[in-house]
Amino acid sequence: MKRIFTTLALAAVIILAGCTDLDDVYRRLDNQKEELANIKALANTVTNKLSVVSYKELPDKSGYELTMSEGSKITLKRGTKGQQAENQAI
């Protein structure tokens, strides 16, 4: 009798544990991986001492084009007043 009860209790625990919804856990893990990648990119920028070499205003005067020390170019555009800018990884 004791063995049957133990077996049934163990089966119930396994069934309940198997029904756990892990979508939220996976979503959080993906968010943390993305944040870690952004932090690594920022750390590499600091390590490589990446800096702005030059900048020029865009022809339509909507922003600036930055030239970085390693040769890449970044375009910064003005948003309308009160509009949230798009977040982009560097």
N, C-alpha and C. Protein backbone atom coordinates (compact mmCIF):
# COMPACT_ATOMS: atom_id res chain seq x y z
N MET A 1 0.82 -1.19 0.00
CA MET A 1 0.00 0.00 0.00
C MET A 1 0.87 1.26 0.00
N LYS A 2 1.89 1.22 0.84
CA LYS A 2 2.78 2.36 0.93
C LYS A 2 3.52 2.58 -0.40
N ARG A 3 3.89 1.50 -1.03
CA ARG A 3 4.60 1.57 -2.31
C ARG A 3 3.70 2.14 -3.41
N ILE A 4 2.45 1.76 -3.42
CA ILE A 4 1.49 2.27 -4.42
C ILE A 4 1.29 3.77 -4.22
N PHE A 5 1.14 4.19 -2.97
CA PHE A 5 0.96 5.61 -2.68
C PHE A 5 2.18 6.42 -3.13
N THR A 6 3.37 5.92 -2.85
CA THR A 6 4.60 6.59 -3.25
C THR A 6 4.69 6.69 -4.77
N THR A 7 4.34 5.61 -5.45
CA THR A 7 4.37 5.60 -6.91
C THR A 7 3.38 6.60 -7.49
N LEU A 8 2.17 6.64 -6.94
CA LEU A 8 1.15 7.58 -7.41
C LEU A 8 1.57 9.03 -7.14
N ALA A 9 2.15 9.28 -5.98
CA ALA A 9 2.60 10.63 -5.64
C ALA A 9 3.72 11.06 -6.58
N LEU A 10 4.64 10.17 -6.86
CA LEU A 10 5.74 10.47 -7.77
C LEU A 10 5.22 10.74 -9.18
N ALA A 11 4.27 9.95 -9.63
CA ALA A 11 3.67 10.14 -10.96
C ALA A 11 2.96 11.49 -11.03
N ALA A 12 2.26 11.87 -9.97
CA ALA A 12 1.55 13.16 -9.94
C ALA A 12 2.54 14.32 -10.02
N VAL A 13 3.64 14.22 -9.30
CA VAL A 13 4.66 15.27 -9.33
C VAL A 13 5.26 15.40 -10.72
N ILE A 14 5.55 14.28 -11.36
CA ILE A 14 6.13 14.30 -12.70
C ILE A 14 5.15 14.91 -13.70
N ILE A 15 3.89 14.55 -13.60
CA ILE A 15 2.87 15.09 -14.51
C ILE A 15 2.72 16.59 -14.32
N LEU A 16 2.66 17.05 -13.07
CA LEU A 16 2.51 18.48 -12.81
C LEU A 16 3.74 19.27 -13.26
N ALA A 17 4.91 18.70 -13.05
CA ALA A 17 6.14 19.39 -13.47
C ALA A 17 6.23 19.45 -14.99
N GLY A 18 5.71 18.47 -15.66
CA GLY A 18 5.73 18.44 -17.12
C GLY A 18 4.77 19.43 -17.75
N CYS A 19 3.81 19.92 -17.00
CA CYS A 19 2.82 20.85 -17.54
C CYS A 19 3.20 22.31 -17.33
N THR A 20 4.39 22.58 -16.84
CA THR A 20 4.82 23.94 -16.58
C THR A 20 5.02 24.70 -17.89
N ASP A 21 4.51 25.92 -17.95
CA ASP A 21 4.66 26.76 -19.14
C ASP A 21 5.98 27.51 -19.04
N LEU A 22 6.90 27.19 -19.93
CA LEU A 22 8.24 27.78 -19.90
C LEU A 22 8.41 28.91 -20.89
N ASP A 23 7.35 29.33 -21.56
CA ASP A 23 7.46 30.40 -22.56
C ASP A 23 8.00 31.69 -21.95
N ASP A 24 7.53 32.04 -20.76
CA ASP A 24 8.00 33.27 -20.11
C ASP A 24 9.48 33.16 -19.77
N VAL A 25 9.90 32.00 -19.32
CA VAL A 25 11.31 31.79 -18.99
C VAL A 25 12.18 31.93 -20.24
N TYR A 26 11.74 31.33 -21.34
CA TYR A 26 12.49 31.42 -22.60
C TYR A 26 12.52 32.86 -23.12
N ARG A 27 11.41 33.59 -22.97
CA ARG A 27 11.37 34.98 -23.42
C ARG A 27 12.36 35.83 -22.61
N ARG A 28 12.38 35.62 -21.30
CA ARG A 28 13.32 36.36 -20.46
C ARG A 28 14.77 36.03 -20.81
N LEU A 29 15.01 34.75 -21.08
CA LEU A 29 16.36 34.32 -21.45
C LEU A 29 16.79 34.97 -22.75
N ASP A 30 15.89 35.04 -23.72
CA ASP A 30 16.20 35.70 -24.99
C ASP A 30 16.50 37.18 -24.78
N ASN A 31 15.71 37.84 -23.90
CA ASN A 31 15.96 39.25 -23.60
C ASN A 31 17.33 39.45 -22.96
N GLN A 32 17.69 38.54 -22.05
CA GLN A 32 18.99 38.66 -21.39
C GLN A 32 20.13 38.43 -22.38
N LYS A 33 19.93 37.50 -23.32
CA LYS A 33 20.96 37.26 -24.33
C LYS A 33 21.14 38.50 -25.20
N GLU A 34 20.04 39.16 -25.54
CA GLU A 34 20.11 40.38 -26.36
C GLU A 34 20.82 41.50 -25.59
N GLU A 35 20.49 41.65 -24.31
CA GLU A 35 21.14 42.68 -23.50
C GLU A 35 22.63 42.39 -23.35
N LEU A 36 22.98 41.13 -23.19
CA LEU A 36 24.39 40.76 -23.07
C LEU A 36 25.14 41.07 -24.36
N ALA A 37 24.53 40.81 -25.50
CA ALA A 37 25.16 41.13 -26.78
C ALA A 37 25.39 42.63 -26.91
N ASN A 38 24.42 43.44 -26.46
CA ASN A 38 24.58 44.90 -26.50
C ASN A 38 25.70 45.36 -25.59
N ILE A 39 25.78 44.76 -24.41
CA ILE A 39 26.84 45.12 -23.46
C ILE A 39 28.21 44.74 -24.02
N LYS A 40 28.28 43.56 -24.66
CA LYS A 40 29.55 43.15 -25.27
C LYS A 40 29.96 44.11 -26.38
N ALA A 41 29.00 44.55 -27.18
CA ALA A 41 29.31 45.50 -28.26
C ALA A 41 29.83 46.81 -27.68
N LEU A 42 29.21 47.28 -26.60
CA LEU A 42 29.67 48.52 -25.96
C LEU A 42 31.06 48.33 -25.36
N ALA A 43 31.30 47.17 -24.75
CA ALA A 43 32.62 46.90 -24.18
C ALA A 43 33.68 46.85 -25.27
N ASN A 44 33.36 46.25 -26.41
CA ASN A 44 34.31 46.22 -27.53
C ASN A 44 34.58 47.62 -28.04
N THR A 45 33.57 48.45 -28.05
CA THR A 45 33.74 49.83 -28.49
C THR A 45 34.72 50.56 -27.57
N VAL A 46 34.56 50.37 -26.28
CA VAL A 46 35.46 51.01 -25.32
C VAL A 46 36.86 50.43 -25.44
N THR A 47 36.95 49.11 -25.57
CA THR A 47 38.25 48.46 -25.68
C THR A 47 39.00 48.90 -26.93
N ASN A 48 38.29 48.99 -28.04
CA ASN A 48 38.91 49.39 -29.30
C ASN A 48 39.07 50.90 -29.43
N LYS A 49 38.59 51.61 -28.43
CA LYS A 49 38.66 53.07 -28.41
C LYS A 49 38.08 53.67 -29.69
N LEU A 50 36.91 53.17 -30.05
CA LEU A 50 36.20 53.66 -31.22
C LEU A 50 35.76 55.09 -30.95
N SER A 51 35.97 55.95 -31.92
CA SER A 51 35.60 57.34 -31.74
C SER A 51 35.10 57.93 -33.05
N VAL A 52 34.48 59.09 -32.95
CA VAL A 52 34.00 59.81 -34.12
C VAL A 52 35.17 60.59 -34.70
N VAL A 53 35.48 60.32 -35.97
CA VAL A 53 36.58 61.00 -36.65
C VAL A 53 36.09 62.29 -37.29
N SER A 54 34.91 62.21 -37.93
CA SER A 54 34.36 63.41 -38.56
C SER A 54 32.84 63.29 -38.63
N TYR A 55 32.21 64.41 -38.87
CA TYR A 55 30.77 64.41 -39.06
C TYR A 55 30.42 65.46 -40.09
N LYS A 56 29.30 65.23 -40.77
CA LYS A 56 28.82 66.23 -41.73
C LYS A 56 27.30 66.22 -41.72
N GLU A 57 26.74 67.36 -41.97
CA GLU A 57 25.28 67.48 -42.00
C GLU A 57 24.77 66.84 -43.28
N LEU A 58 23.63 66.15 -43.17
CA LEU A 58 23.02 65.54 -44.35
C LEU A 58 22.53 66.62 -45.30
N PRO A 59 22.52 66.34 -46.61
CA PRO A 59 22.10 67.35 -47.60
C PRO A 59 20.70 67.91 -47.34
N ASP A 60 19.79 67.07 -46.83
CA ASP A 60 18.43 67.56 -46.57
C ASP A 60 18.29 68.18 -45.18
N LYS A 61 19.40 68.32 -44.48
CA LYS A 61 19.47 68.93 -43.14
C LYS A 61 18.57 68.22 -42.12
N SER A 62 18.40 66.89 -42.30
CA SER A 62 17.56 66.13 -41.38
C SER A 62 18.38 65.44 -40.29
N GLY A 63 19.69 65.63 -40.29
CA GLY A 63 20.53 64.99 -39.29
C GLY A 63 21.99 65.06 -39.70
N TYR A 64 22.78 64.10 -39.19
CA TYR A 64 24.22 64.09 -39.43
C TYR A 64 24.68 62.69 -39.81
N GLU A 65 25.80 62.63 -40.53
CA GLU A 65 26.47 61.37 -40.81
C GLU A 65 27.79 61.39 -40.08
N LEU A 66 28.01 60.42 -39.20
CA LEU A 66 29.24 60.33 -38.42
C LEU A 66 30.16 59.31 -39.07
N THR A 67 31.43 59.62 -39.15
CA THR A 67 32.43 58.67 -39.63
C THR A 67 33.24 58.23 -38.41
N MET A 68 33.27 56.92 -38.18
CA MET A 68 33.93 56.36 -37.01
C MET A 68 35.39 56.05 -37.31
N SER A 69 36.20 55.86 -36.27
CA SER A 69 37.63 55.65 -36.43
C SER A 69 37.97 54.38 -37.19
N GLU A 70 37.10 53.37 -37.19
CA GLU A 70 37.40 52.15 -37.93
C GLU A 70 36.83 52.18 -39.35
N GLY A 71 36.20 53.32 -39.73
CA GLY A 71 35.74 53.50 -41.10
C GLY A 71 34.24 53.36 -41.32
N SER A 72 33.52 52.86 -40.34
CA SER A 72 32.07 52.72 -40.52
C SER A 72 31.40 54.09 -40.43
N LYS A 73 30.18 54.15 -40.95
CA LYS A 73 29.43 55.41 -40.92
C LYS A 73 28.10 55.18 -40.22
N ILE A 74 27.70 56.15 -39.44
CA ILE A 74 26.44 56.10 -38.71
C ILE A 74 25.64 57.34 -39.10
N THR A 75 24.37 57.13 -39.44
CA THR A 75 23.50 58.25 -39.79
C THR A 75 22.57 58.54 -38.62
N LEU A 76 22.60 59.76 -38.14
CA LEU A 76 21.72 60.20 -37.07
C LEU A 76 20.70 61.16 -37.67
N LYS A 77 19.42 60.85 -37.48
CA LYS A 77 18.37 61.72 -38.02
C LYS A 77 17.54 62.27 -36.88
N ARG A 78 17.09 63.50 -37.07
CA ARG A 78 16.23 64.13 -36.08
C ARG A 78 14.83 63.56 -36.20
N GLY A 79 14.19 63.31 -35.06
CA GLY A 79 12.79 62.90 -35.05
C GLY A 79 11.92 64.12 -34.83
N THR A 80 10.63 63.94 -35.01
CA THR A 80 9.73 65.05 -34.72
C THR A 80 9.67 65.25 -33.22
N LYS A 81 9.31 66.41 -32.81
CA LYS A 81 9.30 66.73 -31.38
C LYS A 81 8.37 65.78 -30.65
N GLY A 82 8.91 65.17 -29.62
CA GLY A 82 8.12 64.26 -28.79
C GLY A 82 8.10 62.83 -29.29
N GLN A 83 8.71 62.56 -30.42
CA GLN A 83 8.72 61.21 -30.96
C GLN A 83 9.91 60.45 -30.38
N GLN A 84 9.66 59.22 -29.94
CA GLN A 84 10.72 58.39 -29.38
C GLN A 84 11.60 57.88 -30.52
N ALA A 85 12.91 57.96 -30.34
CA ALA A 85 13.84 57.48 -31.36
C ALA A 85 13.88 55.96 -31.36
N GLU A 86 14.26 55.38 -32.50
CA GLU A 86 14.41 53.94 -32.61
C GLU A 86 15.70 53.53 -31.92
N ASN A 87 15.66 52.45 -31.13
CA ASN A 87 16.87 51.94 -30.50
C ASN A 87 17.56 51.00 -31.46
N GLN A 88 18.83 51.21 -31.69
CA GLN A 88 19.59 50.34 -32.58
C GLN A 88 20.87 49.93 -31.88
N ALA A 89 21.23 48.67 -32.08
CA ALA A 89 22.48 48.17 -31.51
C ALA A 89 23.65 48.71 -32.32
N ILE A 90 24.72 48.98 -31.64
CA ILE A 90 25.91 49.50 -32.31
C ILE A 90 26.82 48.34 -32.63
